[in-house]
Protein backbone atom coordinates (compact mmCIF):
# COMPACT_ATOMS: atom_id res chain seq x y z
CA MET A 1 102.46 175.57 64.65
CA GLY A 2 105.91 177.00 64.89
CA LYS A 3 106.74 175.70 68.37
CA PHE A 4 110.36 176.29 69.29
CA GLN A 5 111.71 174.26 72.19
CA ILE A 6 115.10 173.54 73.68
CA SER A 7 116.13 170.75 75.99
CA SER A 8 116.54 171.58 79.65
CA GLY A 9 117.79 170.55 82.99
CA VAL A 10 116.32 170.96 86.45
CA CYS A 11 114.64 174.25 87.39
CA THR A 12 114.64 175.73 90.88
CA THR A 13 111.31 177.05 92.10
CA LEU A 14 109.61 177.96 95.37
CA PRO A 15 106.14 176.81 96.50
CA VAL A 16 103.28 179.29 96.70
CA ALA A 17 99.52 179.33 97.02
CA ILE A 18 97.99 181.39 94.22
CA GLN A 19 95.06 183.36 95.58
CA GLY A 20 91.74 184.31 94.05
CA PRO A 21 89.05 182.66 91.92
CA GLY A 22 90.26 179.82 89.75
CA ALA A 23 93.50 179.40 91.70
CA ASP A 24 92.82 176.15 93.53
CA HIS A 25 93.55 174.00 90.48
CA VAL A 26 97.23 174.95 90.34
CA ARG A 27 99.45 172.20 91.71
CA MET A 28 102.70 173.58 90.41
CA GLN A 29 105.07 175.98 92.09
CA ARG A 30 105.11 179.74 91.87
CA ASP A 31 107.69 180.88 89.35
CA GLU A 32 109.67 182.92 91.87
CA PRO A 33 113.21 183.80 90.80
CA ARG A 34 116.04 183.49 93.25
CA PRO A 35 117.34 186.87 94.47
CA HIS A 36 119.26 188.68 91.76
CA HIS A 37 122.84 189.50 92.62
CA PRO A 38 125.33 191.86 91.02
CA CYS A 39 127.74 190.09 88.69
CA GLN A 40 130.63 190.02 91.15
CA HIS A 41 128.50 188.48 93.89
CA ARG A 42 127.12 185.86 91.55
CA MET A 43 130.57 184.92 90.30
CA LEU A 44 131.93 184.40 93.81
CA THR A 45 129.09 182.31 95.27
CA SER A 46 129.62 178.72 96.45
CA ILE A 47 133.38 178.74 95.99
CA PRO A 48 135.15 176.20 98.23
CA LYS A 49 137.91 177.21 100.64
CA VAL A 50 141.23 175.56 101.46
CA ASN A 51 140.86 173.74 104.79
CA GLY A 52 138.31 176.37 105.76
CA ASP A 53 140.99 178.99 106.45
CA GLY A 54 141.32 181.04 103.31
CA ASP A 55 139.98 181.70 99.84
CA VAL A 56 141.51 179.90 96.88
CA SER A 57 141.76 181.39 93.42
CA ARG A 58 138.71 181.06 91.23
CA LEU A 59 140.77 179.02 88.76
CA VAL A 60 141.51 176.39 91.40
CA ALA A 61 138.06 176.60 93.00
CA LEU A 62 136.29 175.90 89.72
CA ALA A 63 138.59 172.97 88.95
CA ARG A 64 137.93 171.47 92.39
CA ARG A 65 134.18 171.91 92.11
CA ILE A 66 134.18 170.31 88.66
CA SER A 67 136.12 167.38 90.10
CA ALA A 68 133.73 166.99 93.04
CA ASP A 69 130.64 167.17 90.85
CA ALA A 70 132.16 164.76 88.33
CA ASP A 71 132.79 162.29 91.15
CA LYS A 72 129.14 162.58 92.20
CA VAL A 73 127.78 161.97 88.69
CA ASP A 74 130.25 159.14 88.08
CA ALA A 75 129.34 157.45 91.36
CA TYR A 76 125.63 157.55 90.56
CA LEU A 77 126.18 156.04 87.11
CA ARG A 78 128.38 153.26 88.54
CA GLU A 79 126.05 152.47 91.44
CA ASN A 80 123.12 152.11 89.05
CA ASN A 81 125.01 150.24 86.30
CA LEU A 82 124.37 153.04 83.84
CA PRO A 83 126.60 153.71 80.83
CA GLN A 84 129.30 156.33 81.17
CA PRO A 85 129.36 159.33 78.82
CA GLY A 86 131.93 159.16 76.06
CA PHE A 87 132.86 160.15 72.53
CA GLU A 88 133.27 156.63 71.16
CA VAL A 89 130.89 155.50 68.44
CA ASP A 90 128.97 153.24 70.83
CA ALA A 91 128.68 155.81 73.64
CA PRO A 92 125.12 156.74 74.67
CA GLY A 93 123.52 159.58 72.74
CA ASP A 94 121.86 161.04 75.84
CA PHE A 95 122.34 161.11 79.58
CA PRO A 96 119.95 158.89 81.52
CA SER A 97 117.31 160.49 83.71
CA LEU A 98 119.01 161.63 86.92
CA PRO A 99 117.80 162.53 90.41
CA ALA A 100 117.54 166.27 90.98
CA ASP A 101 120.74 166.57 93.02
CA VAL A 102 122.80 164.58 90.51
CA GLN A 103 121.31 166.53 87.63
CA GLN A 104 122.28 169.72 89.46
CA SER A 105 125.87 168.49 89.61
CA ARG A 106 125.78 167.65 85.91
CA GLN A 107 124.53 171.16 85.14
CA GLN A 108 127.20 172.67 87.34
CA ILE A 109 129.93 170.74 85.50
CA VAL A 110 128.79 172.15 82.16
CA HIS A 111 128.62 175.72 83.47
CA ASP A 112 131.86 175.58 85.46
CA ALA A 113 133.82 173.96 82.62
CA LEU A 114 132.80 176.75 80.27
CA GLU A 115 133.63 179.40 82.86
CA LEU A 116 136.97 177.76 83.60
CA GLY A 117 137.80 177.85 79.90
CA ARG A 118 136.94 181.55 79.69
CA LEU A 119 138.99 182.26 82.78
CA ALA A 120 141.99 180.38 81.42
CA ARG A 121 141.74 182.17 78.06
CA GLY A 122 141.30 185.63 79.47
CA PRO A 123 138.82 188.31 78.36
CA ARG A 124 140.52 189.31 75.10
CA GLU A 125 140.91 185.78 73.77
CA THR A 126 137.40 184.89 74.95
CA VAL A 127 135.92 187.64 72.80
CA ARG A 128 138.32 187.01 69.92
CA TRP A 129 137.42 183.34 69.58
CA GLY A 130 133.85 183.64 70.80
CA VAL A 131 132.84 185.33 67.55
CA TRP A 132 134.65 182.51 65.73
CA ASN A 133 132.29 179.81 66.99
CA TYR A 134 129.93 180.16 64.04
CA LEU A 135 132.40 177.93 62.19
CA ASP A 136 131.15 174.98 64.27
CA THR A 137 127.74 175.56 62.70
CA LEU A 138 129.32 175.86 59.26
CA SER A 139 131.11 172.51 59.39
CA ILE A 140 128.02 170.69 60.71
CA GLN A 141 125.90 172.42 58.07
CA ILE A 142 128.06 171.07 55.25
CA ILE A 143 128.32 167.58 56.77
CA ASN A 144 124.57 167.40 57.26
CA SER A 145 123.56 168.94 53.94
CA PHE A 146 125.85 166.67 51.91
CA GLY A 147 124.88 163.59 53.95
CA ILE A 148 128.51 162.82 54.74
CA ALA A 149 127.75 161.12 58.06
CA LYS A 150 125.68 158.49 56.26
CA MET A 151 128.61 157.68 53.96
CA VAL A 152 130.91 156.64 56.81
CA PRO A 153 130.48 153.03 57.99
CA VAL A 154 129.61 152.64 61.66
CA GLU A 155 131.64 149.44 62.00
CA HIS A 156 135.05 150.61 60.79
CA PRO A 157 136.99 153.65 59.53
CA ILE A 158 137.01 154.64 55.88
CA PRO A 159 139.94 156.16 53.95
CA LEU A 160 139.42 159.84 53.29
CA SER A 161 140.19 159.20 49.63
CA GLU A 162 137.40 156.60 49.40
CA LEU A 163 134.95 158.86 51.22
CA GLN A 164 135.70 161.61 48.72
CA THR A 165 134.55 159.38 45.86
CA LYS A 166 131.16 159.05 47.55
CA SER A 167 130.81 162.79 48.15
CA ALA A 168 130.21 165.71 45.81
CA LEU A 169 132.90 167.67 47.65
CA SER A 170 136.48 167.98 46.50
CA ALA A 171 139.16 166.16 48.47
CA THR A 172 140.42 169.46 49.87
CA SER A 173 137.00 170.78 50.94
CA LEU A 174 136.01 167.45 52.47
CA ALA A 175 139.18 167.29 54.54
CA GLN A 176 138.78 170.90 55.66
CA VAL A 177 135.23 170.37 56.84
CA LEU A 178 135.79 167.01 58.53
CA ARG A 179 138.94 168.03 60.36
CA HIS A 180 137.24 171.13 61.69
CA ALA A 181 134.27 169.07 62.89
CA MET A 182 136.70 166.71 64.61
CA THR A 183 137.70 169.59 66.91
CA ILE A 184 134.22 169.34 68.47
CA ASP A 185 134.25 165.51 68.47
CA VAL A 186 132.11 165.06 65.37
CA PHE A 187 134.08 162.29 63.61
CA CYS A 188 137.64 161.32 64.49
CA GLU A 189 140.80 160.35 62.62
CA PRO A 190 142.21 157.23 64.35
CA LYS A 191 145.11 157.11 61.90
CA PRO A 192 146.22 159.68 59.32
CA GLY A 193 143.86 159.60 56.35
CA LEU A 194 141.21 157.42 58.05
CA VAL A 195 137.81 158.81 59.09
CA ALA A 196 135.70 157.12 61.76
CA HIS A 197 132.48 157.85 63.56
CA THR A 198 132.15 159.26 67.05
CA ALA A 199 128.93 159.10 69.04
CA ALA A 200 127.93 162.54 67.74
CA SER A 201 128.59 161.86 64.06
CA ARG A 202 126.78 158.53 64.32
CA LEU A 203 123.69 160.39 65.55
CA LEU A 204 123.96 162.69 62.52
CA ALA A 205 123.95 159.55 60.38
CA GLU A 206 121.07 157.74 62.07
CA ASP A 207 118.79 160.21 63.88
CA GLU A 208 116.48 161.78 61.30
CA ALA A 209 115.01 164.28 63.73
CA LEU A 210 118.50 165.44 64.71
CA GLN A 211 119.36 165.77 61.01
CA ASP A 212 116.29 167.96 60.62
CA TRP A 213 117.34 170.04 63.61
CA ALA A 214 120.86 170.50 62.23
CA GLY A 215 119.42 171.44 58.83
CA PHE A 216 116.85 173.86 60.21
CA ILE A 217 119.35 175.64 62.46
CA SER A 218 122.19 175.75 59.95
CA GLU A 219 120.27 176.39 56.72
CA ASP A 220 117.35 178.53 57.97
CA VAL A 221 118.29 180.08 61.32
CA PHE A 222 122.02 180.52 60.60
CA PRO A 223 121.56 182.69 57.47
CA ALA A 224 118.76 184.57 59.20
CA GLY A 225 121.00 185.32 62.16
CA ALA A 226 123.60 186.81 59.83
CA ASN A 227 120.95 189.30 58.67
CA VAL A 228 119.52 190.46 61.99
CA LEU A 229 121.87 193.44 62.02
CA LYS A 230 120.59 194.51 58.61
CA SER A 231 117.01 194.03 59.81
CA LEU A 232 117.47 196.15 62.93
CA ARG A 233 119.29 198.89 61.06
CA SER A 234 116.52 199.07 58.48
CA TYR A 235 113.57 198.59 60.87
CA PRO A 236 114.78 199.38 64.41
CA GLU A 237 111.29 199.02 65.92
CA GLY A 238 111.60 195.27 65.29
CA THR A 239 107.97 194.16 65.52
CA SER A 240 106.89 193.19 62.00
CA LEU A 241 106.74 189.56 60.92
CA THR A 242 108.05 190.52 57.47
CA THR A 243 111.13 192.62 58.31
CA THR A 244 113.10 190.00 60.22
CA GLY A 245 116.58 188.62 59.72
CA PHE A 246 114.88 185.65 58.07
CA ASN A 247 113.14 187.93 55.57
CA PHE A 248 116.39 189.69 54.68
CA ALA A 249 118.21 186.36 54.32
CA PHE A 250 115.63 184.89 51.95
CA ASN A 251 114.52 188.02 50.07
CA THR A 252 110.98 188.20 51.46
CA VAL A 253 111.14 191.60 53.18
CA ASN A 254 107.65 193.14 53.43
CA GLU A 255 106.26 190.16 51.50
CA GLU A 256 105.51 187.23 53.83
CA PRO A 257 106.32 185.82 57.30
CA MET A 258 108.56 182.81 57.79
CA PHE A 259 105.64 180.42 58.30
CA VAL A 260 104.15 181.39 54.93
CA THR A 261 107.52 180.83 53.26
CA PHE A 262 107.72 177.36 54.77
CA GLY A 263 104.14 176.66 53.75
CA LYS A 264 105.19 177.07 50.12
CA ASP A 265 108.16 174.71 50.49
CA PRO A 266 107.17 171.20 51.63
CA VAL A 267 110.79 170.11 52.08
CA ARG A 268 111.65 172.95 54.44
CA ALA A 269 108.31 172.64 56.23
CA LYS A 270 108.92 168.93 56.82
CA ARG A 271 112.44 169.64 58.05
CA MET A 272 111.20 172.25 60.50
CA ALA A 273 108.54 169.85 61.79
CA GLY A 274 111.23 167.22 62.29
CA ALA A 275 113.43 169.73 64.07
CA MET A 276 110.63 170.54 66.48
CA ALA A 277 110.04 166.82 67.04
CA SER A 278 113.72 166.50 67.93
CA LEU A 279 113.19 168.99 70.72
CA THR A 280 109.82 167.98 72.15
CA GLY A 281 111.40 164.88 73.68
CA GLY A 282 114.24 166.87 75.20
CA GLU A 283 114.67 166.85 78.97
CA GLY A 284 112.58 169.52 80.65
CA TYR A 285 110.11 169.89 77.78
CA GLU A 286 108.16 166.66 78.04
CA VAL A 287 104.41 167.09 77.80
CA SER A 288 104.17 165.17 81.06
CA HIS A 289 105.24 168.26 82.99
CA PHE A 290 101.95 169.95 82.15
CA VAL A 291 99.80 166.80 82.08
CA ASP A 292 100.99 165.54 85.46
CA ASN A 293 101.14 168.83 87.34
CA TYR A 294 98.24 170.98 86.17
CA ASP A 295 94.99 170.14 87.92
CA LEU A 296 91.97 170.01 85.61
CA SER A 297 89.80 167.94 87.95
CA ASP A 298 87.09 170.58 88.26
CA VAL A 299 86.84 170.90 84.48
CA ASP A 300 86.86 167.12 84.10
CA ASN A 301 84.18 166.60 86.75
CA ALA A 302 81.95 169.04 84.89
CA GLY A 303 82.61 167.41 81.52
CA GLY A 304 84.17 170.67 80.34
CA ILE A 305 86.04 171.69 77.19
CA LEU A 306 89.69 172.60 76.61
CA VAL A 307 90.61 174.33 73.33
CA ASP A 308 94.20 173.62 72.29
CA ILE A 309 94.97 176.62 70.06
CA GLY A 310 97.73 176.12 67.51
CA GLY A 311 97.90 172.56 68.84
CA SER A 312 99.32 170.93 65.69
CA HIS A 313 98.33 167.25 65.64
CA GLY A 314 96.98 167.29 69.19
CA PHE A 315 99.70 165.46 71.08
CA VAL A 316 99.08 167.52 74.23
CA SER A 317 95.31 167.02 74.12
CA VAL A 318 95.69 163.29 73.52
CA ASP A 319 97.87 162.95 76.61
CA LEU A 320 95.47 165.07 78.64
CA ALA A 321 92.55 162.94 77.45
CA LYS A 322 94.32 159.83 78.75
CA LYS A 323 94.34 161.34 82.23
CA TRP A 324 91.04 163.23 82.28
CA LYS A 325 88.26 160.86 81.23
CA ASN A 326 85.26 163.19 81.06
CA MET A 327 86.60 166.29 79.32
CA THR A 328 86.50 166.96 75.61
CA PHE A 329 89.20 168.70 73.59
CA VAL A 330 89.24 170.82 70.44
CA VAL A 331 92.62 171.02 68.71
CA GLN A 332 92.90 173.99 66.38
CA ASP A 333 95.49 174.69 63.70
CA LEU A 334 95.70 175.84 60.10
CA PRO A 335 93.92 173.71 57.47
CA LYS A 336 97.07 172.08 56.06
CA THR A 337 98.18 171.03 59.53
CA VAL A 338 94.77 169.62 60.40
CA GLU A 339 94.62 167.74 57.09
CA SER A 340 97.99 166.11 57.76
CA ALA A 341 97.08 164.90 61.26
CA PRO A 342 96.78 161.14 61.82
CA LYS A 343 93.27 159.77 61.54
CA PRO A 344 92.09 158.64 63.97
CA ILE A 345 94.02 160.95 66.25
CA SER A 346 94.44 158.07 68.72
CA ASP A 347 94.16 154.31 68.43
CA ASP A 348 92.14 154.36 71.64
CA ALA A 349 88.56 155.01 70.55
CA SER A 350 87.60 156.40 73.97
CA ILE A 351 90.22 159.11 73.48
CA ALA A 352 89.72 159.72 69.77
CA GLN A 353 86.02 160.44 70.25
CA ARG A 354 86.82 163.18 72.78
CA VAL A 355 89.54 164.97 70.76
CA GLN A 356 88.26 166.96 67.79
CA LEU A 357 90.45 168.61 65.15
CA GLN A 358 89.32 171.98 63.84
CA ALA A 359 90.81 174.30 61.21
CA HIS A 360 91.24 177.76 62.70
CA ASP A 361 93.58 180.74 62.33
CA PHE A 362 94.08 182.35 65.75
CA PHE A 363 94.28 185.78 64.11
CA HIS A 364 90.52 185.45 63.62
CA GLU A 365 87.71 185.30 66.16
CA GLN A 366 87.65 182.16 68.29
CA PRO A 367 84.78 179.92 67.05
CA VAL A 368 84.47 177.67 70.12
CA LYS A 369 82.20 179.57 72.49
CA GLY A 370 81.95 178.95 76.22
CA ALA A 371 84.88 176.57 76.69
CA ASP A 372 86.44 176.23 80.12
CA VAL A 373 90.11 176.47 79.10
CA TYR A 374 91.86 178.08 76.13
CA TYR A 375 95.41 176.76 75.93
CA PHE A 376 98.44 178.05 73.99
CA ARG A 377 101.62 175.95 74.00
CA TRP A 378 104.64 177.51 72.27
CA ILE A 379 102.50 180.05 70.42
CA ILE A 380 102.67 183.47 72.06
CA HIS A 381 106.48 183.58 72.06
CA ASN A 382 106.38 183.48 68.25
CA TYR A 383 104.81 186.95 68.07
CA SER A 384 105.77 190.50 68.98
CA THR A 385 103.51 192.42 71.32
CA PRO A 386 101.01 193.87 68.78
CA TYR A 387 100.35 190.40 67.31
CA ALA A 388 100.23 188.70 70.71
CA ILE A 389 97.64 191.17 71.99
CA ASN A 390 95.46 190.54 68.93
CA ILE A 391 95.66 186.78 69.46
CA ILE A 392 94.34 187.21 73.00
CA LYS A 393 91.70 189.74 71.93
CA ASN A 394 90.31 187.24 69.44
CA LEU A 395 89.29 185.02 72.35
CA ILE A 396 87.04 187.61 73.99
CA PRO A 397 83.79 187.00 72.03
CA ALA A 398 84.01 183.32 72.98
CA LEU A 399 84.76 183.67 76.68
CA LYS A 400 82.39 182.92 79.51
CA PRO A 401 83.03 184.28 83.01
CA GLY A 402 85.66 182.17 84.73
CA ALA A 403 87.21 180.84 81.53
CA ARG A 404 90.94 180.23 81.91
CA ILE A 405 93.55 181.31 79.41
CA ILE A 406 96.76 179.31 79.77
CA ILE A 407 100.01 180.21 78.02
CA ASN A 408 102.57 177.39 78.25
CA ASP A 409 105.83 179.15 77.36
CA HIS A 410 109.15 180.27 78.74
CA CYS A 411 108.83 182.97 81.37
CA LEU A 412 112.04 184.94 81.76
CA ARG A 413 113.48 185.59 85.19
CA GLU A 414 115.73 188.44 86.24
CA PRO A 415 119.14 188.25 84.53
CA GLY A 416 121.46 186.11 86.62
CA SER A 417 118.73 184.53 88.76
CA GLU A 418 118.13 181.49 86.52
CA GLU A 419 120.26 178.37 86.66
CA PRO A 420 123.23 179.19 84.35
CA TRP A 421 122.56 176.22 82.03
CA ASP A 422 118.93 177.24 81.68
CA GLU A 423 119.66 180.93 81.27
CA LYS A 424 122.10 180.39 78.40
CA VAL A 425 119.52 178.41 76.45
CA ILE A 426 116.57 180.68 77.27
CA ARG A 427 118.47 183.80 76.27
CA GLY A 428 119.49 182.02 73.08
CA MET A 429 115.85 181.20 72.38
CA ASP A 430 115.00 184.85 72.91
CA LEU A 431 117.44 185.79 70.13
CA ILE A 432 116.08 183.07 67.84
CA MET A 433 112.62 184.57 68.23
CA LEU A 434 114.06 187.96 67.26
CA THR A 435 115.93 186.42 64.33
CA LEU A 436 113.04 184.57 62.74
CA LEU A 437 109.92 186.47 63.77
CA ASN A 438 110.83 189.76 65.49
CA ALA A 439 109.31 188.09 68.54
CA GLN A 440 110.49 187.46 72.07
CA GLU A 441 110.40 185.46 75.25
CA ARG A 442 108.68 187.40 78.06
CA ASP A 443 108.92 187.91 81.78
CA GLU A 444 105.96 187.83 84.16
CA GLY A 445 105.36 191.56 83.95
CA GLN A 446 105.29 191.47 80.16
CA PHE A 447 102.76 188.62 80.17
CA LYS A 448 100.62 190.54 82.63
CA GLU A 449 100.77 193.59 80.37
CA LEU A 450 99.64 191.52 77.35
CA PHE A 451 96.43 190.59 79.14
CA ARG A 452 95.90 194.13 80.45
CA ALA A 453 96.35 195.57 76.96
CA ALA A 454 93.97 193.01 75.45
CA HIS A 455 91.11 193.85 77.84
CA GLU A 456 90.68 194.85 81.46
CA GLY A 457 88.32 191.92 81.91
CA PHE A 458 91.32 189.59 82.11
CA VAL A 459 92.46 188.94 85.68
CA PHE A 460 96.09 187.85 85.74
CA LYS A 461 96.59 184.89 88.08
CA GLY A 462 100.37 184.55 87.89
CA VAL A 463 103.07 182.18 86.68
CA SER A 464 104.02 178.70 87.89
CA ARG A 465 106.61 176.13 86.88
CA SER A 466 106.90 172.48 87.85
CA PRO A 467 110.23 171.11 89.10
CA GLY A 468 112.43 169.75 86.33
CA CYS A 469 110.80 171.88 83.64
CA ARG A 470 111.81 175.01 81.79
CA MET A 471 108.30 175.83 80.55
CA SER A 472 106.06 177.95 82.75
CA VAL A 473 102.28 178.09 83.01
CA VAL A 474 101.05 181.66 82.62
CA GLU A 475 97.39 182.04 83.52
CA ALA A 476 94.61 184.60 83.40
CA VAL A 477 90.87 184.30 84.05
CA TRP A 478 88.08 186.12 82.21
CA ASP A 479 86.14 187.88 84.96
CA PRO A 480 84.37 191.03 83.69
CA LYS A 481 81.74 192.97 85.56
CA PRO A 482 78.39 193.52 83.90
CA GLU A 483 78.52 196.11 81.17
CA VAL A 484 78.48 199.74 82.25
CA ASN A 485 77.72 202.15 79.43
CA GLY A 486 78.41 199.36 76.97
CA THR A 487 81.84 198.46 78.37
CA ALA A 488 82.65 195.38 80.43
CA LYS A 489 84.53 196.25 83.61
CA ALA A 490 86.81 193.82 85.42
CA GLN A 491 86.28 192.93 89.04
CA ASN A 492 89.20 193.78 91.27
CA VAL A 493 89.96 190.31 92.63
CA GLU A 494 93.74 190.40 92.74
């Protein structure tokens, strides 16, 4: 439950062989960051020169690189008869899947265009209008909440006066909101007083999962974000689930966590679930990254067990069961989530009989004893360190020697060493975790410390990430020595 994900582009990783017991199953790549550079060095890398005999200004260099990368992306789309991006109502809602080098150029265009804009504005205007950007969220919030996008015909424009009769908004408010949204290409005004769809506004009219995402971000996260300052001033330690920006926004301070609040409100809970569904299909977060790249052959050959903790309706386990024919899977989540899961969990009987749903709260002792793998996807990042340590500790009574604990989450790299597109989103996710749950994304050292703090019997195996994915695989193995004076001691196998 509560899995926050954001779409991604291509990730850059380096191959490695992870050493030690339990390492031979990893077929991903070691999550090694590129060398971290000081800001000035990073800003001046890969800038083209004029005829090879002198540096050009950054303003010109960025413009030229954008042009070169745009030519590369455009050529690929033309050569493969793929639709071009556009703002028109019939333009594609998403980019097609691209080869790694073309995707890299696409990413570079996005980053360079933003940097070029900041450079052209200058530092003062960048800060001045940067704090103004929340108004984009405000206009989309109103459009989405009032269902305005659904009131505009896809086939032709509609007079603003006619649209106002369909809406609960006044003519003035409606015009204010729409014309602001038009500045970010949500709707357009082909002639004065006529409102028409763009590709983006059409998606807000037709894509229910995107509507849920817009509603969740603008009506739940947006107010919570406005209260983070109050939260941190009142509780600067920032670890409790009930003293967050969300709690201050919705008057639940020291009463209940966000997930409990949503559990009492079926409409908001459904919207959040839809929002998460909108993201799970996003590029770089497909389940296939884990299914295709993590080797479970030894577990499968032995007819072993994987426990999918907080696994919602079991979509990861179902996909794993399609690949690994001998393993069994236990998907655990809270009772309401388990009750709402489809039955059977798969139309394929050979899969359904190997995937069991089980009600379990991971803040209590793990009931499945002796499994081979205990898997957390988008769980640990929802909790601050004290809670995360307790979640891991609750596994210990169930663990057999050699059991793997897998955390499938973001793993932060050194600032400035991530691809710029990826870093912007990951750092944003880090703040969302703070906003809603006083939680965080973690780097490799912080994950290692979680396991060390939970018990010295955990042997940290490292972090890996498959190409094209933003999610990392963080892994530890339970490998205690026999008890000495009543305390299990870990073997030094690192």
